[in-house]
Structure formats: structure tokens, C-alpha cells
Protein backbone atom coordinates (compact mmCIF):
# COMPACT_ATOMS: atom_id res chain seq x y z
CA MET A 1 92.40 -112.52 -20.99
CA GLY A 2 91.73 -115.48 -23.20
CA ARG A 3 87.99 -115.52 -22.47
CA LYS A 4 85.69 -117.06 -25.04
CA LEU A 5 82.62 -115.33 -26.42
CA HIS A 6 79.58 -117.14 -27.69
CA ILE A 7 78.96 -116.07 -31.27
CA THR A 8 75.44 -116.15 -32.57
CA GLY A 9 73.98 -115.31 -35.93
CA GLU A 10 73.95 -116.69 -39.44
CA PRO A 11 77.27 -117.77 -40.94
CA HIS A 12 77.17 -115.31 -43.82
CA LYS A 13 76.92 -112.29 -41.49
CA GLU A 14 79.96 -110.32 -40.44
CA THR A 15 80.84 -111.02 -36.82
CA VAL A 16 81.54 -107.84 -34.87
CA LEU A 17 82.78 -106.86 -31.42
CA LEU A 18 81.37 -103.74 -29.78
CA VAL A 19 83.65 -101.37 -27.86
CA GLY A 20 82.42 -98.50 -25.70
CA ALA A 21 84.19 -95.98 -23.49
CA VAL A 22 82.14 -94.70 -20.56
CA HIS A 23 82.77 -92.00 -18.01
CA ALA A 24 81.33 -93.76 -14.95
CA LYS A 25 81.00 -97.36 -13.84
CA GLY A 26 77.74 -98.95 -14.87
CA SER A 27 76.93 -96.27 -17.47
CA GLY A 28 77.01 -96.57 -21.22
CA ASP A 29 74.85 -99.71 -21.51
CA ASP A 30 72.03 -97.86 -23.30
CA SER A 31 74.44 -96.52 -25.89
CA LEU A 32 76.01 -99.96 -26.43
CA ASP A 33 72.54 -101.51 -26.72
CA GLU A 34 71.82 -99.00 -29.44
CA LEU A 35 75.16 -99.73 -31.14
CA ALA A 36 74.17 -103.41 -31.16
CA GLN A 37 70.89 -102.45 -32.86
CA LEU A 38 72.79 -100.40 -35.42
CA ALA A 39 75.13 -103.31 -36.11
CA GLU A 40 72.23 -105.71 -36.60
CA THR A 41 70.48 -103.15 -38.81
CA ALA A 42 73.64 -103.06 -40.95
CA GLY A 43 73.50 -106.86 -41.28
CA ALA A 44 76.16 -107.87 -38.72
CA SER A 45 76.10 -110.43 -35.92
CA VAL A 46 77.24 -109.11 -32.53
CA ALA A 47 79.73 -111.44 -30.83
CA GLY A 48 80.26 -109.50 -27.62
CA ARG A 49 81.01 -106.22 -25.90
CA VAL A 50 84.00 -104.57 -24.28
CA LYS A 51 83.67 -101.49 -22.06
CA GLN A 52 86.29 -99.28 -20.46
CA VAL A 53 85.80 -96.48 -17.96
CA LEU A 54 87.82 -93.49 -19.19
CA GLN A 55 88.43 -90.06 -17.72
CA ARG A 56 89.58 -88.83 -21.13
CA PRO A 57 90.21 -90.56 -24.49
CA ASN A 58 93.74 -91.65 -25.39
CA PRO A 59 94.76 -89.41 -28.34
CA ALA A 60 96.56 -92.33 -30.03
CA THR A 61 94.16 -95.25 -29.51
CA TYR A 62 91.10 -93.74 -27.74
CA ILE A 63 91.13 -96.59 -25.18
CA GLY A 64 94.02 -97.77 -22.98
CA SER A 65 96.83 -100.02 -24.20
CA GLY A 66 95.75 -102.91 -21.95
CA LYS A 67 92.23 -102.84 -23.37
CA VAL A 68 93.65 -102.75 -26.91
CA GLU A 69 95.60 -105.96 -26.17
CA GLU A 70 92.46 -107.60 -24.74
CA ILE A 71 90.48 -106.72 -27.86
CA ALA A 72 93.28 -108.00 -30.14
CA GLU A 73 93.21 -111.37 -28.35
CA ILE A 74 89.41 -111.62 -28.61
CA VAL A 75 89.58 -110.79 -32.31
CA GLN A 76 92.16 -113.51 -32.92
CA ASN A 77 90.49 -116.19 -30.79
CA GLU A 78 86.92 -115.57 -31.94
CA LYS A 79 87.66 -114.76 -35.59
CA ILE A 80 86.00 -111.34 -35.38
CA ASN A 81 85.50 -109.62 -38.77
CA ALA A 82 85.22 -106.04 -37.47
CA VAL A 83 85.43 -104.02 -34.28
CA LEU A 84 82.77 -101.32 -33.82
CA PHE A 85 83.53 -98.31 -31.61
CA ASP A 86 80.66 -96.41 -30.02
CA ASP A 87 82.21 -93.00 -30.76
CA GLU A 88 83.68 -91.19 -33.73
CA LEU A 89 87.42 -91.76 -33.90
CA SER A 90 90.12 -89.63 -35.48
CA PRO A 91 91.90 -90.97 -38.59
CA ASN A 92 95.07 -91.39 -36.51
CA GLN A 93 93.24 -93.43 -33.85
CA VAL A 94 91.68 -95.68 -36.47
CA ARG A 95 95.02 -96.27 -38.19
CA ASN A 96 96.76 -97.14 -34.90
CA LEU A 97 93.96 -99.41 -33.69
CA GLU A 98 93.77 -101.34 -36.96
CA ARG A 99 97.51 -101.93 -36.82
CA LEU A 100 97.44 -103.09 -33.18
CA ILE A 101 94.24 -105.14 -33.32
CA GLY A 102 94.76 -106.58 -36.80
CA CYS A 103 91.13 -106.21 -37.83
CA LYS A 104 88.82 -103.86 -39.72
CA LEU A 105 87.66 -101.05 -37.46
CA ILE A 106 84.45 -99.04 -37.83
CA ASP A 107 83.38 -96.12 -35.66
CA ARG A 108 79.79 -95.13 -34.89
CA SER A 109 79.64 -92.37 -37.50
CA GLN A 110 80.81 -94.67 -40.30
CA LEU A 111 78.28 -97.31 -39.24
CA ILE A 112 75.38 -94.83 -39.30
CA LEU A 113 76.51 -93.52 -42.69
CA ASP A 114 76.58 -97.08 -44.01
CA ILE A 115 73.02 -97.70 -42.79
CA PHE A 116 71.86 -94.42 -44.34
CA ALA A 117 73.46 -95.46 -47.65
CA LYS A 118 71.49 -98.72 -47.60
CA ARG A 119 68.23 -96.99 -46.65
CA ALA A 120 68.46 -94.17 -49.20
CA LYS A 121 65.92 -94.71 -51.97
CA THR A 122 65.22 -91.34 -53.56
CA ALA A 123 67.64 -89.18 -55.53
CA ILE A 124 67.84 -86.50 -52.84
CA ALA A 125 68.47 -89.02 -50.03
CA LYS A 126 71.21 -90.72 -52.05
CA THR A 127 72.82 -87.35 -52.81
CA GLN A 128 72.71 -86.26 -49.16
CA VAL A 129 74.20 -89.54 -47.92
CA GLU A 130 76.93 -89.61 -50.57
CA LEU A 131 77.99 -86.08 -49.64
CA ALA A 132 78.22 -87.01 -45.96
CA GLN A 133 80.16 -90.19 -46.78
CA LEU A 134 82.69 -88.33 -48.94
CA ASP A 135 83.11 -85.65 -46.27
CA TYR A 136 83.83 -88.39 -43.74
CA LEU A 137 86.13 -90.29 -46.11
CA ARG A 138 88.40 -87.55 -47.38
CA THR A 139 90.27 -87.15 -44.05
CA ARG A 140 90.68 -90.92 -43.75
CA LEU A 141 92.29 -91.75 -47.08
CA THR A 142 95.67 -92.36 -45.46
CA ARG A 143 94.50 -95.57 -43.83
CA GLN A 144 92.63 -96.91 -46.85
CA TRP A 145 95.24 -96.31 -49.54
CA THR A 146 98.56 -96.17 -47.72
CA HIS A 147 100.04 -98.48 -50.36
CA LEU A 148 99.42 -95.71 -52.91
CA SER A 149 101.06 -92.86 -50.99
CA ARG A 150 104.11 -92.69 -53.17
CA GLN A 151 105.02 -90.03 -55.70
CA GLN A 152 103.40 -90.83 -59.02
CA GLY A 153 103.52 -88.49 -61.99
CA GLY A 154 100.85 -88.95 -64.60
CA ILE A 155 99.92 -87.00 -67.73
CA GLY A 156 96.24 -86.19 -67.74
CA THR A 157 95.56 -87.79 -64.35
CA ARG A 158 97.59 -85.84 -61.78
CA GLY A 159 100.14 -83.10 -61.53
CA PRO A 160 103.87 -83.85 -61.43
CA GLY A 161 104.82 -85.04 -57.96
CA GLU A 162 101.23 -85.40 -56.78
CA THR A 163 100.61 -88.47 -54.62
CA GLN A 164 97.74 -90.84 -55.29
CA ILE A 165 96.09 -89.78 -52.03
CA GLU A 166 96.26 -86.12 -53.05
CA THR A 167 94.67 -87.04 -56.36
CA ASP A 168 91.90 -88.93 -54.58
CA ARG A 169 91.31 -86.00 -52.24
CA ARG A 170 91.10 -83.63 -55.19
CA LEU A 171 88.62 -85.90 -57.00
CA ILE A 172 86.55 -86.26 -53.82
CA GLY A 173 86.52 -82.46 -53.45
CA GLN A 174 85.28 -82.09 -57.03
CA ARG A 175 82.57 -84.68 -56.50
CA MET A 176 81.48 -82.98 -53.25
CA ALA A 177 81.23 -79.64 -55.08
CA THR A 178 78.98 -81.29 -57.69
CA LEU A 179 76.77 -82.83 -55.00
CA ARG A 180 76.49 -79.54 -53.11
CA GLU A 181 75.42 -77.79 -56.30
CA ARG A 182 72.82 -80.51 -56.90
CA LEU A 183 71.49 -80.13 -53.34
CA LYS A 184 71.41 -76.36 -53.79
CA ARG A 185 69.14 -76.78 -56.82
CA ILE A 186 66.94 -79.24 -54.91
CA ASP A 187 66.78 -76.77 -52.00
CA GLN A 188 65.60 -74.03 -54.37
CA GLN A 189 62.91 -76.34 -55.74
CA ARG A 190 61.75 -77.18 -52.21
CA ARG A 191 61.63 -73.50 -51.26
CA THR A 192 59.40 -72.90 -54.27
CA GLN A 193 57.15 -75.78 -53.18
CA ARG A 194 56.99 -74.39 -49.65
CA ARG A 195 55.98 -70.95 -50.98
CA ARG A 196 53.12 -72.57 -52.88
CA ARG A 197 51.98 -74.27 -49.67
CA ALA A 198 52.48 -71.17 -47.49
CA LYS A 199 48.76 -70.75 -46.83
CA TYR A 200 48.67 -73.99 -44.86
CA CYS A 201 49.82 -74.42 -41.28
CA ARG A 202 52.84 -76.76 -41.35
CA ILE A 203 53.30 -79.51 -38.78
CA ALA A 204 56.39 -81.74 -38.59
CA LEU A 205 56.79 -85.08 -36.87
CA VAL A 206 60.11 -85.28 -35.03
CA GLY A 207 61.52 -87.85 -32.65
CA TYR A 208 64.03 -90.55 -31.99
CA THR A 209 64.48 -93.13 -34.71
CA ASN A 210 61.94 -95.96 -34.54
CA ALA A 211 59.54 -94.00 -32.31
CA GLY A 212 56.69 -94.63 -34.77
CA LYS A 213 56.57 -91.33 -36.69
CA SER A 214 55.82 -92.90 -40.08
CA THR A 215 53.11 -95.13 -38.60
CA LEU A 216 51.51 -92.03 -37.04
CA MET A 217 51.85 -90.18 -40.35
CA ASN A 218 49.92 -92.95 -42.12
CA ALA A 219 47.24 -93.04 -39.43
CA LEU A 220 46.61 -89.28 -39.45
CA SER A 221 46.85 -88.52 -43.17
CA GLN A 222 45.71 -91.87 -44.61
CA SER A 223 48.93 -91.96 -46.63
CA GLY A 224 51.13 -94.87 -47.63
CA VAL A 225 54.47 -93.74 -46.20
CA PHE A 226 56.89 -96.64 -45.72
CA ALA A 227 56.89 -97.69 -42.07
CA GLU A 228 58.77 -100.55 -40.45
CA ASP A 229 59.93 -101.46 -36.94
CA ARG A 230 63.61 -100.74 -37.54
CA LEU A 231 66.14 -97.92 -37.18
CA PHE A 232 66.08 -95.21 -39.85
CA ALA A 233 63.21 -96.70 -41.86
CA THR A 234 62.53 -93.17 -43.17
CA LEU A 235 65.20 -90.83 -44.57
CA ASP A 236 63.17 -88.56 -46.81
CA ALA A 237 60.87 -85.76 -45.71
CA THR A 238 57.37 -86.68 -46.87
CA THR A 239 54.52 -84.15 -46.73
CA ARG A 240 50.80 -84.97 -46.85
CA GLN A 241 47.57 -83.10 -46.16
CA TRP A 242 45.95 -83.77 -42.78
CA PRO A 243 42.30 -82.66 -42.46
CA LEU A 244 41.85 -81.70 -38.83
CA SER A 245 38.20 -80.82 -39.41
CA SER A 246 35.83 -79.91 -42.24
CA SER A 247 37.18 -76.36 -42.19
CA THR A 248 40.85 -76.85 -41.30
CA THR A 249 43.51 -78.75 -43.24
CA VAL A 250 47.21 -78.68 -42.37
CA LEU A 251 50.36 -80.06 -43.98
CA LEU A 252 51.98 -82.90 -42.04
CA SER A 253 55.64 -83.79 -42.69
CA ASP A 254 57.47 -86.95 -41.65
CA THR A 255 61.22 -86.47 -41.18
CA VAL A 256 64.36 -88.50 -40.52
CA GLY A 257 64.65 -89.83 -36.98
CA PHE A 258 67.32 -88.60 -34.59
CA ILE A 259 69.80 -90.72 -32.65
CA ARG A 260 72.61 -90.35 -30.10
CA LYS A 261 75.84 -89.02 -31.57
CA LEU A 262 74.24 -88.35 -34.96
CA PRO A 263 77.19 -87.43 -37.23
CA HIS A 264 77.39 -83.68 -37.82
CA LYS A 265 78.19 -84.40 -41.48
CA LEU A 266 74.75 -85.97 -41.83
CA ILE A 267 73.06 -82.96 -40.25
CA GLU A 268 74.90 -80.66 -42.66
CA SER A 269 74.09 -82.84 -45.69
CA PHE A 270 70.42 -83.23 -44.72
CA LYS A 271 69.92 -79.45 -44.47
CA SER A 272 67.16 -79.32 -47.09
CA THR A 273 65.34 -82.22 -45.41
CA LEU A 274 65.66 -80.71 -41.93
CA ASP A 275 64.39 -77.38 -43.27
CA GLU A 276 60.95 -79.02 -43.14
CA VAL A 277 61.41 -79.06 -39.36
CA ARG A 278 62.89 -75.56 -39.05
CA GLN A 279 60.10 -73.95 -41.07
CA SER A 280 57.20 -75.71 -39.37
CA ASP A 281 54.60 -73.90 -37.29
CA VAL A 282 54.10 -76.80 -34.85
CA LEU A 283 56.21 -79.86 -33.98
CA LEU A 284 54.84 -83.19 -32.79
CA HIS A 285 57.61 -84.81 -30.76
CA VAL A 286 56.82 -88.53 -31.02
CA ILE A 287 58.24 -90.64 -28.17
CA SER A 288 58.22 -94.41 -27.76
CA ALA A 289 56.70 -94.72 -24.29
CA ALA A 290 57.54 -98.44 -24.30
CA HIS A 291 61.29 -97.79 -24.55
CA PRO A 292 62.99 -98.02 -21.14
CA GLY A 293 65.29 -95.11 -21.96
CA PHE A 294 62.71 -92.79 -23.52
CA GLU A 295 63.70 -89.83 -21.32
CA SER A 296 67.31 -89.91 -22.55
CA GLN A 297 65.96 -90.19 -26.11
CA MET A 298 63.84 -87.09 -25.48
CA THR A 299 67.00 -85.25 -24.40
CA VAL A 300 68.77 -86.25 -27.62
CA VAL A 301 65.86 -84.96 -29.70
CA ARG A 302 65.81 -81.63 -27.86
CA GLN A 303 69.56 -81.25 -28.31
CA THR A 304 69.26 -81.96 -32.04
CA LEU A 305 66.38 -79.50 -32.39
CA GLN A 306 68.52 -76.89 -30.68
CA GLU A 307 71.40 -77.67 -33.03
CA ILE A 308 69.26 -77.13 -36.13
CA GLY A 309 67.58 -74.00 -34.73
CA ALA A 310 64.11 -75.46 -34.14
CA LEU A 311 63.90 -75.64 -30.34
CA GLU A 312 61.65 -72.56 -30.03
CA ILE A 313 58.90 -73.90 -32.30
CA PRO A 314 55.68 -74.77 -30.35
CA THR A 315 55.93 -78.50 -29.60
CA LEU A 316 53.43 -81.12 -28.44
CA LEU A 317 54.75 -84.29 -26.79
CA VAL A 318 53.12 -87.46 -28.13
CA PHE A 319 53.78 -90.69 -26.22
CA ASN A 320 53.35 -93.48 -28.76
CA LYS A 321 53.18 -97.29 -28.34
CA ILE A 322 51.23 -97.21 -25.08
CA ASP A 323 49.72 -100.54 -26.17
CA ALA A 324 53.20 -102.07 -25.76
CA LEU A 325 53.71 -100.95 -22.15
CA GLU A 326 54.55 -103.78 -19.76
CA ALA A 327 52.75 -102.15 -16.83
CA PRO A 328 50.32 -99.57 -18.27
CA SER A 329 48.42 -99.11 -14.99
CA GLU A 330 51.65 -97.85 -13.40
CA ILE A 331 53.39 -96.10 -16.31
CA LEU A 332 50.45 -94.15 -17.79
CA PRO A 333 49.59 -92.31 -14.52
CA ALA A 334 53.30 -91.51 -14.07
CA LEU A 335 53.47 -90.07 -17.61
CA LYS A 336 50.34 -88.00 -16.99
CA ARG A 337 51.84 -86.68 -13.76
CA ASP A 338 55.27 -85.86 -15.21
CA TYR A 339 54.05 -84.64 -18.63
CA PRO A 340 50.50 -83.33 -18.10
CA GLU A 341 50.29 -81.67 -21.53
CA ALA A 342 51.42 -84.77 -23.46
CA ILE A 343 49.05 -86.99 -25.47
CA PRO A 344 49.28 -90.80 -25.04
CA ILE A 345 48.52 -92.77 -28.23
CA ALA A 346 49.03 -96.08 -30.01
CA ALA A 347 49.35 -95.08 -33.67
CA LEU A 348 49.24 -98.65 -34.99
CA ARG A 349 45.90 -99.34 -33.29
CA GLY A 350 44.41 -95.85 -33.63
CA ILE A 351 44.22 -95.24 -29.86
CA GLY A 352 44.16 -91.58 -28.80
CA LEU A 353 44.22 -90.12 -32.32
CA ASN A 354 40.97 -88.16 -31.91
CA THR A 355 42.34 -86.50 -28.77
CA LEU A 356 45.59 -85.73 -30.59
CA THR A 357 43.74 -84.23 -33.56
CA SER A 358 41.62 -82.02 -31.29
CA ARG A 359 44.68 -80.76 -29.39
CA VAL A 360 46.57 -80.01 -32.62
CA GLU A 361 43.56 -78.09 -33.97
CA ASP A 362 43.65 -75.91 -30.85
CA MET A 363 47.36 -75.29 -31.37
CA VAL A 364 46.85 -74.47 -35.04
CA ARG A 365 44.24 -71.85 -34.16
CA GLY A 366 46.93 -70.16 -32.12
CA THR A 367 49.17 -69.92 -35.17
CA GLN A 368 46.47 -68.41 -37.44
CA VAL A 369 44.26 -65.36 -37.60
CA GLU A 370 40.94 -64.84 -39.37
CA ASP A 371 40.17 -61.42 -40.85
CA SER A 372 38.34 -59.72 -43.68
CA ALA A 373 39.06 -57.03 -46.26
CA LEU A 374 37.39 -55.01 -49.02
CA ILE A 375 39.15 -55.33 -52.36
CA PRO A 376 38.11 -53.54 -55.58
CA VAL A 377 36.99 -56.02 -58.22
CA THR A 378 39.59 -54.51 -60.54
CA ASP A 379 42.43 -55.52 -58.19
CA GLY A 380 42.85 -59.16 -59.12
CA ARG A 381 46.49 -59.18 -57.99
CA THR A 382 45.69 -58.59 -54.30
CA LEU A 383 43.02 -61.29 -54.32
CA ALA A 384 45.53 -63.70 -55.88
CA GLU A 385 48.04 -62.82 -53.13
CA ILE A 386 45.46 -63.57 -50.43
CA ARG A 387 44.91 -66.98 -51.99
CA ARG A 388 48.67 -67.54 -52.12
CA LEU A 389 49.38 -66.47 -48.57
CA GLY A 390 46.25 -67.77 -46.84
CA GLU A 391 42.91 -69.48 -47.25
CA VAL A 392 39.84 -67.63 -48.56
CA LEU A 393 36.83 -68.61 -46.42
CA SER A 394 34.18 -66.60 -48.28
CA GLN A 395 33.77 -63.69 -50.68
CA GLU A 396 30.80 -61.44 -51.44
CA LEU A 397 30.27 -58.72 -54.05
CA VAL A 398 29.33 -55.43 -52.32
CA GLN A 399 29.06 -51.69 -53.01
CA VAL A 400 31.67 -49.49 -51.34
CA SER A 401 32.65 -45.84 -51.15
CA SER A 402 36.20 -44.57 -51.09
CA ASN A 403 37.49 -42.11 -48.44
CA GLY A 404 34.02 -40.79 -47.63
CA GLU A 405 33.12 -39.88 -51.22
CA LEU A 406 29.51 -40.36 -52.34
CA ALA A 407 30.42 -42.25 -55.52
CA SER A 408 30.24 -45.99 -55.15
CA GLU A 409 32.09 -48.86 -56.76
CA GLU A 410 32.01 -52.63 -56.62
CA ALA A 411 34.34 -54.55 -54.34
CA LEU A 412 34.73 -58.01 -52.89
CA HIS A 413 34.24 -58.50 -49.18
CA VAL A 414 36.71 -61.33 -48.55
CA ARG A 415 37.01 -63.32 -45.34
CA PHE A 416 40.29 -65.21 -45.02
CA ARG A 417 42.47 -67.23 -42.68
CA ILE A 418 46.25 -66.74 -42.61
CA THR A 419 49.17 -67.91 -40.49
CA ASN A 420 50.67 -65.33 -38.10
CA ASP A 421 54.01 -65.21 -39.89
CA LYS A 422 52.29 -64.13 -43.14
CA SER A 423 49.91 -61.58 -41.66
CA ASP A 424 52.30 -58.58 -41.78
CA GLU A 425 53.02 -59.20 -45.45
CA LEU A 426 49.31 -59.36 -46.26
CA MET A 427 48.52 -56.21 -44.24
CA ARG A 428 51.04 -54.28 -46.37
CA LEU A 429 49.28 -55.48 -49.55
CA LEU A 430 45.88 -54.43 -48.18
CA ALA A 431 47.07 -50.99 -47.03
CA PRO A 432 45.99 -49.11 -50.24
CA HIS A 433 42.37 -50.26 -49.70
CA ARG A 434 41.93 -49.28 -46.06
CA GLY A 435 39.81 -46.24 -47.06
CA LEU A 436 37.06 -48.41 -48.60
CA LYS A 437 33.76 -48.46 -46.71
CA ARG A 438 30.85 -50.76 -47.31
CA LEU A 439 27.75 -48.72 -48.10
CA SER A 440 25.44 -50.99 -46.15
CA GLY A 441 27.71 -50.72 -43.10
CA GLU A 442 31.36 -51.02 -42.34
CA ALA A 443 33.05 -54.37 -43.04
């Protein structure tokens, strides 16, 4: 008790204390390191850390009473502006801790939501973040407006006997309904866009935040997606064309990065963005090989993919930032041994990208089929459907007979490429023309 902490950082920054509860001695440092990164990303200066080994959280204060007293003394002595907890706390726990510690308290979910709010640039990202924030806020009104929880009648503003908090909850509910309706319309627009792009194989970049997905996106597709060495630099799903070869082009999507204890409210709000992942044909799981805890980050990504229903999609591991390895002669052989199918790259310097492109092209071939069909020249609708569902490789005007009859007619011999998931639909459209035979030989 009474220990002093050295406070660093610029004077205008909020000074924060990190608090983490761990389940075994010596564990939890990675998560607290990440919380420190989140705090700095939000513009705060980290003064110190407090850890407690817990078998189970205290329902009233999450941590033990002795640790609460220790934190309260640190806050008073070091003039801490806010205490950051490395887990999501219940409204009751937050209210009790603020009263006992005498300081603003922020849990991990609120901190991530705040960072997302600062990062959101586009209309859809702002809408998604606002919805998640309101969903988080509405159960926590009691601690933010307790001075208003008295009965207040008001003509035109609230019903007789309705408290201010009830009014705020009702207004939040109305705003959330408006935002959900807006996201529903955006989702419909995106589904329409995806239908237009259905003929292309779709590849999504997934991975832990700050693994280098946006940098890789720019390197592969020659696009100008915003990329920066910081957490959650990208919130919006961005899709660009990626020419694998002269004959094969795919759609490459960059998506929001994952993180430990990603708030479920964010996952729910970012449904339309994460649909880009769920509806992809291939996933490129980008991993920062230079991060000391990359294996635990890989686990988080797999768990998140499972949560959003995308774990079964064919996935290629891509170890990025190999140029930043401290001991590449030791680490690279170990990666090759433990992950023989993975591709090592350095996206920023263009290392390994040709190998990656070649491997992805092989994977894409496994998701597509090439076939041909005879279509009467009078059937423009079926030809249009082939162009919508797949890629026409060539077409030739030929003479055909129908069902063995001697009379001939003109038809198009069309060669096409189509993804496996669209092939059944196309075969049903081509069924009426299966009796056509090319006069110079069968197609």
C-alpha cells in the first residue's frame, strides 16, 4: 500500500490505471499488454497496472475488497483520471467500483467501442458503432444519470410518472430501431452488389487487428486502402479486384480486425460487414509472425470465425512481417515445420507475394468449374444468366440439331467458368437445351 507509480506521457492525456483479473499466477500479461495498447490508441497515458488472481469474479466488485482499497489509494495518490478493467463489467459492478474508488471506470468493451467510434469514417461504420454503443449504454443509464432518477411528469416529453432514466431508455430504443432499419437497407444494397459480383471467386482477408491485412490488400490489388501500424486502422469492408493471372481475376475484401474479448454487441452490429467474410469462397488468415503471442492471436481469430459461422471456409495461413523477425534463421524453419501449408510474406516489402498469388490461384481453381453449353441464339436470357453467374471464356456460332431431328438451327457454343456454389443453379437453367447436338460433332 502507498506505493508510487511513475507516470509518463504528455500532460494533456488522461492518466489511466490498468486492472486485470487472471486465473493463474503469471498469466494475463499478454491481455494487459493489449489493454495498454488500446488505452494508448484511445489517447490515454498508462500510469501502471494492477493484477489479481481470481478463482471467480466477485459479483459486486469483480475483484476482491482488498484490491479495491489498493486501487483507490493509487488513484488518490497518483491523481489517476480513469481505471480501465480488462473485462466487461456488469452495470452493478461499475456503479459499486466507481463509488468505492472515487474515479471514472471504463471496462474493456467500452474502451473498444470508444476506439471504434473514433476510427469510424464512413456512414455504415458510424451507424454500426453507434448501434453497438447505444446497446451497451442502455443497461448502464443508472450510473450515468442517477441524479435524474426521480419521478418527473412532463407533457409532450414523457408519460405521467415516468422517470428520466425510463425516458432515456425509451429514446435510446427508438434510436436503435432507426439504426437497425438503416443497416437493414444497407444490408439489402450489399446483397444486391454481391449478386452482381457473383461470377467472381471471393477472397476475404481476416486476422488479428494490426496483422497487416490492409497493407497486404494494397500490395495485391494495387489499391489505396488506408493502412497504418495501429489497432483497428480499418473498420469498413473494402473490396477490390485482384488479377491472379491473365485469365483469372478474383475479388479481394479487407475486413475489420479481430481482438481478444471483442464485444458481442460489435459483432452483432457489424453483421453486414462480417457477411463479406461469411460469404467468401476462400479466407486468407493474416498473422503477424513478429508478434510474440501470435499463436494465441490465431486462436482468437479461429474462435471469432466460429462465432460468425465462417470456420468451415477453406483458409490459407499467411505469416506476415517476416522482415521484422528478431531471429529469422530460427523462427522461419520452426514456422515451416509447425505450419507446412502456410505462406511466409512481408507485405510492406513485397516478399513472398508471388508464391502467395500462385497458391491462391490453385485454391481458386478448386472452387470453380469450367464447362460448355449449346444455347439457341434466340435464348438471350440464358446467355445473360451465364454472364451473371459466371465468366464467359469464349463463344462460337454453330449449327445444331434438336433431339436427333434432321432440321438444323443456329446456336452458340459457350465455354464458361463458374464457382461451385452457382453450378447447380446454372445446370437447371441449361436443362431445356440438353437435347441440342452440334452437327459437326458433339459439344
